[in-house]
């Protein structure tokens, strides 16, 4: 159970970077800053966002080569995240991690840590902390993908650099490539980016009674 939660938190962190990078400091390239501002203004205008993505984790030296898929739905400060058959819901107050394989649900209070990264902070977290620059332009099946390189200012961070790929036609995030100082490369590629969907009113509601009736073990942290 703890491994699933840790894995989901890792992906949450990377997803957070994808949709928050438009808030980095106005240091470096004005051209890059202008593009990131466009991405921010576009994403901020939506009532909700659905992202279906591919997650790649590679480290040749450590023999790691993982590829998985998942999706996340965000509306305001609430989210629902599906990954590896498990689900995580944040209703604005508590985080619920549901693992059907173990028939367990972990319930945690919203973190009071201002630096904690969750999907609900995807638009506000990275207000500072990076230098950034205009990078390469790629053609992906007729789509022009412009990359902006983000380099952490803090030399103690485990992250070496991040490349954020932006679809120049839609001004939506297409890809994030995060390279660690230990050689690990994490890549998130957006398969589907949908906005302003007709969401169920109970999408972010956790029905504890339902899971108790199904025999799930409820863990409160």
Protein backbone atom coordinates (compact mmCIF):
# COMPACT_ATOMS: atom_id res chain seq x y z
CA UNK A 1 0.00 0.00 0.00
CA UNK A 2 2.75 2.44 0.95
CA UNK A 3 4.60 1.71 -2.32
CA UNK A 4 1.49 2.56 -4.34
CA UNK A 5 1.06 5.83 -2.45
CA UNK A 6 4.73 6.75 -2.95
CA UNK A 7 4.52 5.94 -6.67
CA UNK A 8 1.37 8.04 -7.07
CA UNK A 9 2.95 10.94 -5.18
CA UNK A 10 5.98 10.83 -7.50
CA UNK A 11 3.79 11.12 -10.57
CA UNK A 12 1.71 13.83 -8.92
CA UNK A 13 4.90 15.84 -8.44
CA UNK A 14 5.86 15.54 -12.10
CA UNK A 15 2.32 16.37 -13.25
CA UNK A 16 2.42 19.40 -10.99
CA UNK A 17 5.51 20.67 -12.76
CA UNK A 18 3.81 20.24 -16.14
CA UNK A 19 1.00 22.66 -15.47
CA UNK A 20 2.76 25.02 -13.11
CA UNK A 21 5.88 25.91 -15.06
CA UNK A 22 4.23 29.01 -16.51
CA UNK A 23 4.70 30.67 -13.13
CA UNK A 24 8.49 30.53 -12.93
CA UNK A 25 10.46 33.71 -12.36
CA UNK A 26 10.89 36.23 -15.13
CA UNK A 27 14.57 35.40 -15.40
CA UNK A 28 16.23 34.37 -18.64
CA UNK A 29 14.49 34.39 -21.99
CA UNK A 30 11.65 36.88 -22.46
CA UNK A 31 10.54 34.78 -25.43
CA UNK A 32 10.19 31.71 -23.21
CA UNK A 33 8.45 33.78 -20.54
CA UNK A 34 5.93 35.02 -23.11
CA UNK A 35 5.08 31.49 -24.25
CA UNK A 36 4.68 30.23 -20.69
CA UNK A 37 2.38 33.17 -19.95
CA UNK A 38 0.21 32.11 -22.90
CA UNK A 39 0.04 28.55 -21.56
CA UNK A 40 -0.92 29.83 -18.12
CA UNK A 41 -3.67 32.13 -19.43
CA UNK A 42 -5.10 29.30 -21.54
CA UNK A 43 -5.13 26.71 -18.74
CA UNK A 44 -6.44 29.17 -16.15
CA UNK A 45 -9.53 29.84 -18.26
CA UNK A 46 -10.85 26.26 -17.96
CA UNK A 47 -13.38 25.09 -15.37
CA UNK A 48 -11.86 21.60 -15.36
CA UNK A 49 -9.12 19.63 -17.08
CA UNK A 50 -8.73 15.95 -17.94
CA UNK A 51 -5.27 14.62 -18.84
CA UNK A 52 -4.61 11.08 -20.06
CA UNK A 53 -0.86 10.47 -20.06
CA UNK A 54 2.00 8.02 -20.59
CA UNK A 55 4.62 7.87 -17.83
CA UNK A 56 8.17 6.68 -18.60
CA UNK A 57 10.90 6.19 -16.01
CA UNK A 58 14.40 5.26 -17.19
CA UNK A 59 17.81 4.87 -15.56
CA UNK A 60 20.24 2.79 -17.63
CA UNK A 61 22.83 2.46 -14.85
CA UNK A 62 20.24 1.19 -12.37
CA UNK A 63 18.55 -1.02 -14.96
CA UNK A 64 15.21 0.80 -14.63
CA UNK A 65 12.89 0.98 -17.63
CA UNK A 66 9.23 1.43 -16.69
CA UNK A 67 6.31 2.56 -18.82
CA UNK A 68 2.78 3.04 -17.48
CA UNK A 69 -0.32 5.09 -18.18
CA UNK A 70 -2.72 7.07 -16.05
CA UNK A 71 -5.13 9.98 -16.00
CA UNK A 72 -6.07 12.90 -13.77
CA UNK A 73 -9.16 15.12 -13.63
CA UNK A 74 -8.89 18.55 -11.98
CA UNK A 75 -11.55 21.10 -11.06
CA UNK A 76 -10.59 23.97 -8.81
CA UNK A 77 -8.58 22.54 -5.93
CA UNK A 78 -10.09 19.06 -6.28
CA UNK A 79 -8.76 16.13 -8.28
CA UNK A 80 -9.17 12.45 -9.12
CA UNK A 81 -6.07 10.53 -10.16
CA UNK A 82 -6.10 6.99 -11.63
CA UNK A 83 -2.90 4.94 -11.85
CA UNK A 84 -1.96 1.22 -11.82
CA UNK A 85 -5.52 0.21 -11.01
CA UNK A 86 -5.59 2.47 -7.96
CA UNK A 87 -7.35 5.78 -7.46
CA UNK A 88 -6.63 8.90 -5.44
CA UNK A 89 -9.29 11.53 -4.72
CA UNK A 90 -8.88 14.93 -3.10
CA UNK A 91 -12.22 16.48 -2.15
CA UNK A 92 -10.75 19.77 -0.98
CA UNK A 93 -10.16 18.57 2.58
CA UNK A 94 -8.93 14.98 2.61
CA UNK A 95 -6.94 12.70 0.30
CA UNK A 96 -8.36 9.20 -0.29
CA UNK A 97 -6.13 6.53 -1.85
CA UNK A 98 -8.12 3.47 -2.97
CA UNK A 99 -6.23 0.25 -3.79
CA UNK A 100 -8.67 -2.47 -4.97
CA UNK A 101 -5.91 -5.09 -5.18
CA UNK A 102 -5.40 -4.88 -1.41
CA UNK A 103 -8.99 -3.86 -0.62
CA UNK A 104 -7.62 -0.91 1.33
CA UNK A 105 -8.37 2.80 1.53
CA UNK A 106 -5.98 5.29 3.13
CA UNK A 107 -7.48 8.57 4.32
CA UNK A 108 -5.15 11.50 5.01
CA UNK A 109 -5.77 15.10 5.96
CA UNK A 110 -4.83 17.78 3.49
CA UNK A 111 -1.13 18.55 3.90
CA UNK A 112 -0.29 21.73 5.79
CA UNK A 113 3.13 21.79 4.12
CA UNK A 114 3.19 24.85 1.86
CA UNK A 115 5.75 23.09 -0.34
CA UNK A 116 3.69 19.93 -0.78
CA UNK A 117 2.87 19.39 -4.43
CA UNK A 118 -0.55 18.11 -5.44
CA UNK A 119 -2.57 18.39 -8.63
CA UNK A 120 -4.61 21.13 -6.98
CA UNK A 121 -1.45 23.28 -7.01
CA UNK A 122 -0.64 22.64 -10.65
CA UNK A 123 -1.33 26.28 -11.53
CA UNK A 124 0.28 28.00 -8.58
CA UNK A 125 3.24 26.06 -7.22
CA UNK A 126 6.26 27.04 -9.29
CA UNK A 127 6.18 30.80 -8.86
CA UNK A 128 9.95 30.89 -8.58
CA UNK A 129 13.03 28.70 -8.47
CA UNK A 130 14.09 28.29 -12.11
CA UNK A 131 16.02 29.90 -14.90
CA UNK A 132 14.57 29.07 -18.29
CA UNK A 133 15.40 29.39 -21.95
CA UNK A 134 14.00 28.82 -25.44
CA UNK A 135 14.94 25.33 -26.64
CA UNK A 136 14.32 23.08 -29.66
CA UNK A 137 11.27 22.95 -31.95
CA UNK A 138 10.01 19.51 -32.98
CA UNK A 139 7.46 18.37 -35.54
CA UNK A 140 5.32 15.58 -34.06
CA UNK A 141 2.85 14.23 -36.63
CA UNK A 142 2.31 17.72 -38.03
CA UNK A 143 2.17 19.40 -34.62
CA UNK A 144 4.80 22.01 -33.78
CA UNK A 145 6.12 21.28 -30.28
CA UNK A 146 8.25 24.07 -28.81
CA UNK A 147 10.41 23.20 -25.80
CA UNK A 148 11.34 25.51 -22.94
CA UNK A 149 14.22 24.42 -20.71
CA UNK A 150 13.90 24.97 -16.96
CA UNK A 151 17.02 24.77 -14.80
CA UNK A 152 16.62 24.85 -11.00
CA UNK A 153 18.37 27.75 -9.29
CA UNK A 154 18.90 25.69 -6.13
CA UNK A 155 22.12 23.70 -6.63
CA UNK A 156 21.09 21.23 -3.90
CA UNK A 157 18.06 19.95 -5.79
CA UNK A 158 18.05 16.41 -7.20
CA UNK A 159 16.77 17.73 -10.53
CA UNK A 160 19.30 18.63 -13.22
CA UNK A 161 16.84 20.11 -15.73
CA UNK A 162 13.31 19.97 -17.10
CA UNK A 163 12.19 20.31 -20.72
CA UNK A 164 8.59 21.41 -21.15
CA UNK A 165 7.11 20.75 -24.62
CA UNK A 166 4.25 23.02 -25.65
CA UNK A 167 1.90 22.47 -28.60
CA UNK A 168 2.14 25.78 -30.47
CA UNK A 169 -1.28 25.27 -32.04
CA UNK A 170 -3.29 24.73 -28.86
CA UNK A 171 -0.90 26.24 -26.28
CA UNK A 172 -1.40 23.07 -24.23
CA UNK A 173 1.32 21.04 -22.52
CA UNK A 174 2.41 18.05 -24.65
CA UNK A 175 5.43 16.63 -22.86
CA UNK A 176 7.64 17.04 -19.82
CA UNK A 177 11.14 15.51 -19.67
CA UNK A 178 12.72 15.67 -16.23
CA UNK A 179 16.39 14.67 -15.88
CA UNK A 180 17.81 13.91 -12.44
CA UNK A 181 21.41 14.31 -11.36
CA UNK A 182 21.48 10.55 -10.70
CA UNK A 183 20.79 9.83 -14.39
CA UNK A 184 17.08 9.09 -14.00
CA UNK A 185 14.92 10.46 -16.79
CA UNK A 186 11.19 10.85 -16.19
CA UNK A 187 8.96 11.60 -19.16
CA UNK A 188 5.26 12.38 -19.19
CA UNK A 189 3.60 12.50 -22.61
CA UNK A 190 0.03 13.76 -22.88
CA UNK A 191 -2.15 11.38 -24.91
CA UNK A 192 -5.34 13.36 -24.40
CA UNK A 193 -6.00 16.84 -22.98
CA UNK A 194 -9.69 17.64 -22.53
CA UNK A 195 -11.26 20.70 -20.96
CA UNK A 196 -14.60 21.84 -19.54
CA UNK A 197 -16.10 18.36 -19.43
CA UNK A 198 -19.58 17.65 -18.01
CA UNK A 199 -18.42 16.18 -14.69
CA UNK A 200 -20.56 14.24 -12.24
CA UNK A 201 -21.39 16.21 -9.08
CA UNK A 202 -20.11 13.26 -7.03
CA UNK A 203 -16.85 12.74 -8.96
CA UNK A 204 -14.68 14.01 -6.10
CA UNK A 205 -16.85 12.53 -3.32
CA UNK A 206 -15.63 9.50 -1.38
CA UNK A 207 -18.39 7.13 -0.23
CA UNK A 208 -16.87 5.47 2.85
CA UNK A 209 -19.97 3.39 3.58
CA UNK A 210 -19.78 1.81 0.12
CA UNK A 211 -16.21 0.61 0.62
CA UNK A 212 -16.91 -0.64 4.13
CA UNK A 213 -19.83 -2.67 2.76
CA UNK A 214 -17.45 -4.14 0.15
CA UNK A 215 -15.07 -5.24 2.89
CA UNK A 216 -12.32 -2.66 2.40
CA UNK A 217 -9.97 -1.94 5.30
CA UNK A 218 -10.00 1.79 6.10
CA UNK A 219 -6.69 3.30 7.26
CA UNK A 220 -6.67 6.79 8.75
CA UNK A 221 -3.35 8.63 8.90
